[in-house]
C-alpha atoms as a PDB file:
ATOM      1  CA  MET A   1       0.641   6.154 -12.361  1.00  0.00           C
ATOM      2  CA  THR A   2       0.592   2.728 -14.153  1.00  0.00           C
ATOM      3  CA  ARG A   3      -2.200   1.507 -16.273  1.00  0.00           C
ATOM      4  CA  PHE A   4      -2.831  -1.285 -13.675  1.00  0.00           C
ATOM      5  CA  THR A   5      -3.380   1.378 -10.981  1.00  0.00           C
ATOM      6  CA  SER A   6      -5.627   3.509 -13.173  1.00  0.00           C
ATOM      7  CA  VAL A   7      -7.960   0.587 -13.899  1.00  0.00           C
ATOM      8  CA  ALA A   8      -7.941  -0.372 -10.124  1.00  0.00           C
ATOM      9  CA  LEU A   9      -9.057   3.297  -9.218  1.00  0.00           C
ATOM     10  CA  LEU A  10     -11.822   3.211 -11.795  1.00  0.00           C
ATOM     11  CA  GLY A  11     -12.989  -0.115 -10.300  1.00  0.00           C
ATOM     12  CA  LEU A  12     -13.147   1.324  -6.824  1.00  0.00           C
ATOM     13  CA  PHE A  13     -15.182   4.357  -7.951  1.00  0.00           C
ATOM     14  CA  ALA A  14     -17.495   1.926  -9.825  1.00  0.00           C
ATOM     15  CA  LEU A  15     -18.122   0.064  -6.677  1.00  0.00           C
ATOM     16  CA  LEU A  16     -19.023   3.342  -4.924  1.00  0.00           C
ATOM     17  CA  ALA A  17     -21.394   4.245  -7.753  1.00  0.00           C
ATOM     18  CA  THR A  18     -23.300   0.949  -7.223  1.00  0.00           C
ATOM     19  CA  GLU A  19     -23.893   1.569  -3.531  1.00  0.00           C
ATOM     20  CA  PRO A  20     -27.606   2.280  -3.752  1.00  0.00           C
ATOM     21  CA  ALA A  21     -28.187  -1.128  -5.192  1.00  0.00           C
ATOM     22  CA  TYR A  22     -26.303  -2.773  -2.293  1.00  0.00           C
ATOM     23  CA  ALA A  23     -28.146  -0.658   0.258  1.00  0.00           C
ATOM     24  CA  GLN A  24     -31.497  -2.053  -0.933  1.00  0.00           C
ATOM     25  CA  GLN A  25     -30.455  -5.722  -0.338  1.00  0.00           C
ATOM     26  CA  GLY A  26     -30.702  -6.300   3.321  1.00  0.00           C
ATOM     27  CA  SER A  27     -27.342  -6.558   5.081  1.00  0.00           C
ATOM     28  CA  ARG A  28     -25.305  -5.485   1.942  1.00  0.00           C
ATOM     29  CA  ARG A  29     -23.623  -2.185   2.389  1.00  0.00           C
ATOM     30  CA  VAL A  30     -20.701  -0.271   0.880  1.00  0.00           C
ATOM     31  CA  GLY A  31     -18.504   2.351   2.665  1.00  0.00           C
ATOM     32  CA  ILE A  32     -15.306   4.110   2.491  1.00  0.00           C
ATOM     33  CA  GLY A  33     -12.450   4.000   4.998  1.00  0.00           C
ATOM     34  CA  ALA A  34      -9.020   5.575   5.759  1.00  0.00           C
ATOM     35  CA  ALA A  35      -6.179   3.961   7.570  1.00  0.00           C
ATOM     36  CA  LEU A  36      -2.638   4.737   8.709  1.00  0.00           C
ATOM     37  CA  GLY A  37       0.255   2.270   9.077  1.00  0.00           C
ATOM     38  CA  ASP A  38       3.972   2.019   8.483  1.00  0.00           C
ATOM     39  CA  VAL A  39       5.510   0.438   5.406  1.00  0.00           C
ATOM     40  CA  SER A  40       8.941  -0.161   7.010  1.00  0.00           C
ATOM     41  CA  ASP A  41       9.071  -3.794   5.766  1.00  0.00           C
ATOM     42  CA  VAL A  42       9.647  -2.504   2.204  1.00  0.00           C
ATOM     43  CA  LEU A  43      11.631   0.604   3.048  1.00  0.00           C
ATOM     44  CA  LEU A  44      14.244  -1.032   5.413  1.00  0.00           C
ATOM     45  CA  GLN A  45      15.741  -2.941   2.513  1.00  0.00           C
ATOM     46  CA  LEU A  46      15.997   0.300   0.452  1.00  0.00           C
ATOM     47  CA  GLU A  47      18.021   2.146   3.156  1.00  0.00           C
ATOM     48  CA  VAL A  48      15.557   5.019   3.723  1.00  0.00           C
ATOM     49  CA  ASP A  49      13.547   5.984   6.732  1.00  0.00           C
ATOM     50  CA  GLN A  50      10.259   4.168   7.496  1.00  0.00           C
ATOM     51  CA  VAL A  51       7.111   6.227   6.612  1.00  0.00           C
ATOM     52  CA  THR A  52       3.545   6.353   7.603  1.00  0.00           C
ATOM     53  CA  ALA A  53       1.357   5.566   4.592  1.00  0.00           C
ATOM     54  CA  PRO A  54      -2.305   6.501   4.056  1.00  0.00           C
ATOM     55  CA  VAL A  55      -4.454   3.712   2.955  1.00  0.00           C
ATOM     56  CA  ILE A  56      -7.875   4.004   1.290  1.00  0.00           C
ATOM     57  CA  LEU A  57     -10.402   1.167   1.890  1.00  0.00           C
ATOM     58  CA  ILE A  58     -13.703   0.349   0.346  1.00  0.00           C
ATOM     59  CA  PRO A  59     -15.493  -2.047   2.802  1.00  0.00           C
ATOM     60  CA  ILE A  60     -18.321  -4.045   1.185  1.00  0.00           C
ATOM     61  CA  GLN A  61     -20.618  -6.003   3.548  1.00  0.00           C
ATOM     62  CA  VAL A  62     -21.680  -8.822   1.264  1.00  0.00           C
ATOM     63  CA  THR A  63     -23.469 -10.511   4.115  1.00  0.00           C
ATOM     64  CA  ASP A  64     -23.571 -10.158   7.968  1.00  0.00           C
ATOM     65  CA  GLY A  65     -20.825 -12.813   8.017  1.00  0.00           C
ATOM     66  CA  PHE A  66     -18.670 -11.863   5.070  1.00  0.00           C
ATOM     67  CA  ARG A  67     -16.842  -8.758   3.847  1.00  0.00           C
ATOM     68  CA  LEU A  68     -14.753  -7.782   0.736  1.00  0.00           C
ATOM     69  CA  GLU A  69     -12.405  -4.732   1.142  1.00  0.00           C
ATOM     70  CA  PRO A  70     -10.520  -3.306  -1.882  1.00  0.00           C
ATOM     71  CA  GLU A  71      -7.611  -1.031  -0.869  1.00  0.00           C
ATOM     72  CA  ILE A  72      -5.094   1.325  -2.426  1.00  0.00           C
ATOM     73  CA  ASP A  73      -2.204   2.966  -0.547  1.00  0.00           C
ATOM     74  CA  PHE A  74       0.569   5.299  -1.404  1.00  0.00           C
ATOM     75  CA  PHE A  75       3.878   5.977   0.332  1.00  0.00           C
ATOM     76  CA  ARG A  76       6.831   8.335  -0.199  1.00  0.00           C
ATOM     77  CA  SER A  77      10.061   8.785   1.748  1.00  0.00           C
ATOM     78  CA  SER A  78      13.168  10.898   1.028  1.00  0.00           C
ATOM     79  CA  VAL A  79      16.544  11.268   2.770  1.00  0.00           C
ATOM     80  CA  LYS A  80      19.135  14.016   2.120  1.00  0.00           C
ATOM     81  CA  GLU A  81      22.671  12.668   1.641  1.00  0.00           C
ATOM     82  CA  LEU A  82      25.723  14.886   2.198  1.00  0.00           C
ATOM     83  CA  GLY A  83      29.045  14.134   0.836  1.00  0.00           C
ATOM     84  CA  PRO A  84      32.343  14.988   2.746  1.00  0.00           C
ATOM     85  CA  GLY A  85      32.490  18.781   3.158  1.00  0.00           C
ATOM     86  CA  ALA A  86      29.275  19.403   1.276  1.00  0.00           C
ATOM     87  CA  SER A  87      26.610  22.004   2.210  1.00  0.00           C
ATOM     88  CA  ASP A  88      22.900  21.589   2.290  1.00  0.00           C
ATOM     89  CA  ASP A  89      22.643  23.080  -1.124  1.00  0.00           C
ATOM     90  CA  GLU A  90      24.864  20.415  -2.534  1.00  0.00           C
ATOM     91  CA  ALA A  91      22.954  17.530  -0.841  1.00  0.00           C
ATOM     92  CA  SER A  92      21.453  14.772  -3.022  1.00  0.00           C
ATOM     93  CA  VAL A  93      17.996  13.362  -2.194  1.00  0.00           C
ATOM     94  CA  ASN A  94      17.458   9.573  -2.126  1.00  0.00           C
ATOM     95  CA  SER A  95      13.597   9.241  -2.664  1.00  0.00           C
ATOM     96  CA  VAL A  96      11.222   6.304  -2.709  1.00  0.00           C
ATOM     97  CA  ASN A  97       7.665   6.313  -4.145  1.00  0.00           C
ATOM     98  CA  GLY A  98       5.350   3.386  -3.966  1.00  0.00           C
ATOM     99  CA  VAL A  99       1.738   2.303  -4.563  1.00  0.00           C
ATOM    100  CA  GLU A 100      -0.168  -0.872  -3.565  1.00  0.00           C
ATOM    101  CA  VAL A 101      -3.533  -2.046  -4.931  1.00  0.00           C
ATOM    102  CA  GLY A 102      -5.251  -5.023  -3.409  1.00  0.00           C
ATOM    103  CA  ILE A 103      -8.270  -6.604  -1.916  1.00  0.00           C
ATOM    104  CA  GLY A 104      -9.140  -8.221   1.496  1.00  0.00           C
ATOM    105  CA  VAL A 105     -11.459 -11.257   1.960  1.00  0.00           C
ATOM    106  CA  PHE A 106     -12.886 -11.518   5.527  1.00  0.00           C
ATOM    107  CA  PRO A 107     -15.398 -13.719   7.315  1.00  0.00           C
ATOM    108  CA  GLN A 108     -16.698 -11.662  10.276  1.00  0.00           C
ATOM    109  CA  THR A 109     -18.716 -11.799  13.417  1.00  0.00           C
ATOM    110  CA  ARG A 110     -20.539  -9.128  15.402  1.00  0.00           C
ATOM    111  CA  GLN A 111     -21.443  -8.858  19.010  1.00  0.00           C
ATOM    112  CA  GLU A 112     -23.543  -5.775  19.623  1.00  0.00           C
ATOM    113  CA  ASN A 113     -21.413  -2.752  18.670  1.00  0.00           C
ATOM    114  CA  PHE A 114     -18.126  -4.690  18.098  1.00  0.00           C
ATOM    115  CA  ARG A 115     -17.223  -6.504  14.787  1.00  0.00           C
ATOM    116  CA  LEU A 116     -14.348  -8.930  14.511  1.00  0.00           C
ATOM    117  CA  TYR A 117     -13.008  -9.985  11.109  1.00  0.00           C
ATOM    118  CA  TYR A 118     -10.109 -12.319   9.972  1.00  0.00           C
ATOM    119  CA  GLY A 119      -8.831 -13.350   6.606  1.00  0.00           C
ATOM    120  CA  VAL A 120      -6.241 -12.344   3.987  1.00  0.00           C
ATOM    121  CA  ARG A 121      -5.291  -9.294   1.887  1.00  0.00           C
ATOM    122  CA  VAL A 122      -3.557  -9.838  -1.466  1.00  0.00           C
ATOM    123  CA  GLY A 123      -2.454  -7.367  -4.098  1.00  0.00           C
ATOM    124  CA  TYR A 124       0.122  -5.632  -6.393  1.00  0.00           C
ATOM    125  CA  THR A 125       3.111  -3.568  -5.292  1.00  0.00           C
ATOM    126  CA  LYS A 126       5.167  -1.010  -7.149  1.00  0.00           C
ATOM    127  CA  VAL A 127       8.148   0.955  -5.844  1.00  0.00           C
ATOM    128  CA  ILE A 128      10.485   3.434  -7.576  1.00  0.00           C
ATOM    129  CA  GLN A 129      13.611   4.690  -5.906  1.00  0.00           C
ATOM    130  CA  GLU A 130      15.846   7.439  -7.251  1.00  0.00           C
ATOM    131  CA  ASP A 131      19.307   7.793  -5.658  1.00  0.00           C
ATOM    132  CA  PRO A 132      21.713  10.487  -7.223  1.00  0.00           C
ATOM    133  CA  LEU A 133      25.317   9.133  -7.443  1.00  0.00           C
ATOM    134  CA  PHE A 134      27.547  12.137  -7.937  1.00  0.00           C
ATOM    135  CA  ARG A 135      26.702  13.204 -11.507  1.00  0.00           C
ATOM    136  CA  ASP A 136      24.758  10.021 -12.231  1.00  0.00           C
ATOM    137  CA  THR A 137      21.372   8.840 -10.979  1.00  0.00           C
ATOM    138  CA  ARG A 138      20.422   5.328  -9.975  1.00  0.00           C
ATOM    139  CA  THR A 139      16.742   4.415 -10.556  1.00  0.00           C
ATOM    140  CA  LEU A 140      15.448   1.229  -9.046  1.00  0.00           C
ATOM    141  CA  THR A 141      11.949   0.110 -10.279  1.00  0.00           C
ATOM    142  CA  LEU A 142      10.400  -2.872  -8.494  1.00  0.00           C
ATOM    143  CA  ASP A 143       7.030  -4.450  -8.803  1.00  0.00           C
ATOM    144  CA  GLY A 144       5.509  -7.664  -7.368  1.00  0.00           C
ATOM    145  CA  PHE A 145       2.810  -8.778  -4.907  1.00  0.00           C
ATOM    146  CA  PHE A 146       1.950  -8.921  -1.186  1.00  0.00           C
ATOM    147  CA  VAL A 147       0.069 -11.361   0.861  1.00  0.00           C
ATOM    148  CA  SER A 148      -1.163 -10.512   4.328  1.00  0.00           C
ATOM    149  CA  PRO A 149      -3.012 -12.742   6.772  1.00  0.00           C
ATOM    150  CA  ALA A 150      -4.814 -10.288   8.919  1.00  0.00           C
ATOM    151  CA  VAL A 151      -7.156 -10.002  11.906  1.00  0.00           C
ATOM    152  CA  GLY A 152      -8.999  -6.866  12.875  1.00  0.00           C
ATOM    153  CA  GLY A 153     -11.750  -5.316  14.865  1.00  0.00           C
ATOM    154  CA  GLU A 154     -14.004  -2.280  14.655  1.00  0.00           C
ATOM    155  CA  TYR A 155     -16.362  -0.547  17.173  1.00  0.00           C
ATOM    156  CA  LEU A 156     -19.507   0.822  15.568  1.00  0.00           C
ATOM    157  CA  PHE A 157     -20.534   4.144  17.189  1.00  0.00           C
ATOM    158  CA  SER A 158     -23.585   4.060  14.841  1.00  0.00           C
ATOM    159  CA  ASP A 159     -24.661   2.103  11.729  1.00  0.00           C
ATOM    160  CA  ARG A 160     -22.590   4.489   9.619  1.00  0.00           C
ATOM    161  CA  PHE A 161     -19.314   5.102  11.499  1.00  0.00           C
ATOM    162  CA  SER A 162     -16.723   2.915  13.178  1.00  0.00           C
ATOM    163  CA  LEU A 163     -13.120   3.091  14.483  1.00  0.00           C
ATOM    164  CA  GLY A 164     -10.858  -0.015  14.609  1.00  0.00           C
ATOM    165  CA  ALA A 165      -7.494  -1.572  14.166  1.00  0.00           C
ATOM    166  CA  GLU A 166      -5.905  -4.424  12.126  1.00  0.00           C
ATOM    167  CA  VAL A 167      -2.821  -6.516  12.579  1.00  0.00           C
ATOM    168  CA  GLN A 168      -1.135  -8.133   9.480  1.00  0.00           C
ATOM    169  CA  LEU A 169       1.700 -10.557   8.858  1.00  0.00           C
ATOM    170  CA  ARG A 170       2.682  -9.044   5.593  1.00  0.00           C
ATOM    171  CA  HIS A 171       4.843 -10.798   3.013  1.00  0.00           C
ATOM    172  CA  THR A 172       6.071  -8.663   0.085  1.00  0.00           C
ATOM    173  CA  SER A 173       7.989  -9.937  -2.859  1.00  0.00           C
ATOM    174  CA  VAL A 174       9.227  -7.540  -5.633  1.00  0.00           C
ATOM    175  CA  LYS A 175      11.644  -7.745  -8.601  1.00  0.00           C
ATOM    176  CA  GLY A 176      12.918  -5.152 -11.095  1.00  0.00           C
ATOM    177  CA  ASP A 177      15.790  -3.293 -12.724  1.00  0.00           C
ATOM    178  CA  ASN A 178      18.436  -1.180 -11.142  1.00  0.00           C
ATOM    179  CA  VAL A 179      19.511   1.345 -13.808  1.00  0.00           C
ATOM    180  CA  VAL A 180      22.397   3.861 -13.527  1.00  0.00           C
ATOM    181  CA  GLU A 181      21.938   6.725 -15.869  1.00  0.00           C
ATOM    182  CA  GLY A 182      25.116   8.232 -17.223  1.00  0.00           C
ATOM    183  CA  ILE A 183      26.937   4.959 -17.292  1.00  0.00           C
ATOM    184  CA  THR A 184      26.661   3.035 -20.547  1.00  0.00           C
ATOM    185  CA  LEU A 185      27.600  -0.422 -21.662  1.00  0.00           C
ATOM    186  CA  PRO A 186      29.561  -1.079 -24.917  1.00  0.00           C
ATOM    187  CA  ASP A 187      26.330  -1.709 -26.750  1.00  0.00           C
ATOM    188  CA  GLY A 188      25.201   1.815 -25.723  1.00  0.00           C
ATOM    189  CA  SER A 189      22.524   0.725 -23.153  1.00  0.00           C
ATOM    190  CA  PRO A 190      22.451   2.017 -19.591  1.00  0.00           C
ATOM    191  CA  ALA A 191      24.242  -0.003 -17.000  1.00  0.00           C
ATOM    192  CA  SER A 192      21.709  -2.137 -15.017  1.00  0.00           C
ATOM    193  CA  ASP A 193      21.201  -5.180 -13.040  1.00  0.00           C
ATOM    194  CA  THR A 194      18.221  -7.125 -11.724  1.00  0.00           C
ATOM    195  CA  ILE A 195      17.182  -6.680  -8.098  1.00  0.00           C
ATOM    196  CA  GLU A 196      14.929  -8.908  -5.984  1.00  0.00           C
ATOM    197  CA  ARG A 197      13.469  -8.023  -2.579  1.00  0.00           C
ATOM    198  CA  SER A 198      11.432 -10.214  -0.213  1.00  0.00           C
ATOM    199  CA  THR A 199      10.245  -9.258   3.210  1.00  0.00           C
ATOM    200  CA  THR A 200       7.901 -10.588   5.875  1.00  0.00           C
ATOM    201  CA  ALA A 201       6.916  -8.277   8.841  1.00  0.00           C
ATOM    202  CA  THR A 202       4.024  -7.360  11.001  1.00  0.00           C
ATOM    203  CA  ARG A 203       2.020  -4.288  10.131  1.00  0.00           C
ATOM    204  CA  VAL A 204      -0.622  -2.427  12.222  1.00  0.00           C
ATOM    205  CA  LEU A 205      -3.330  -0.262  10.762  1.00  0.00           C
ATOM    206  CA  PHE A 206      -5.544   2.177  12.633  1.00  0.00           C
ATOM    207  CA  ILE A 207      -8.806   2.520  10.634  1.00  0.00           C
ATOM    208  CA  SER A 208     -11.859   4.711  10.485  1.00  0.00           C
ATOM    209  CA  ARG A 209     -14.742   3.586   8.186  1.00  0.00           C
ATOM    210  CA  PHE A 210     -17.984   5.347   7.067  1.00  0.00           C
ATOM    211  CA  TYR A 211     -20.790   3.222   5.686  1.00  0.00           C
ATOM    212  CA  PHE A 212     -23.398   4.573   3.255  1.00  0.00           C
END
């Protein structure tokens, strides 16, 4: 886990720790949410299967008409690759691990038990892919940012619990080094090149939230 991610996680826990202060100030409330959504916009360019990624959300109702929502999500995908005449025991595994940390900024409106929000999510993305190549291993490390205009809604079954969905138009841009271990250059350094990836795709999240 990177230092950036560790600091972000500490920040999220600090927000939760301050919840009683929010709860005493009228409409201000803090909660925790969980969401599921695919991350195929990133994985399609890495030649592995799409995967459903869990997302942790921290909804912060600043006012009745405005919300902040920090988020962190993780994803992992792996594919077995068999060479000609190879058995399962000889298969290599192409794996991808990723983490995203960001925040959403949303004006919102409420009609009875339904709340509609719209705005943008922005944040940091890191992806690591390991792909064995015969006796060598290719390691691709990418990091960058995402920007996602988004609109969503939630139905409040009570003041503390809601279910909802969100649609995003997600742009992800990452850059990093593609290193092949086992192959060295004349100066003794590993063979490597620079890779850039940029994708724009829709993403749908299904979300449950609990408010303190």
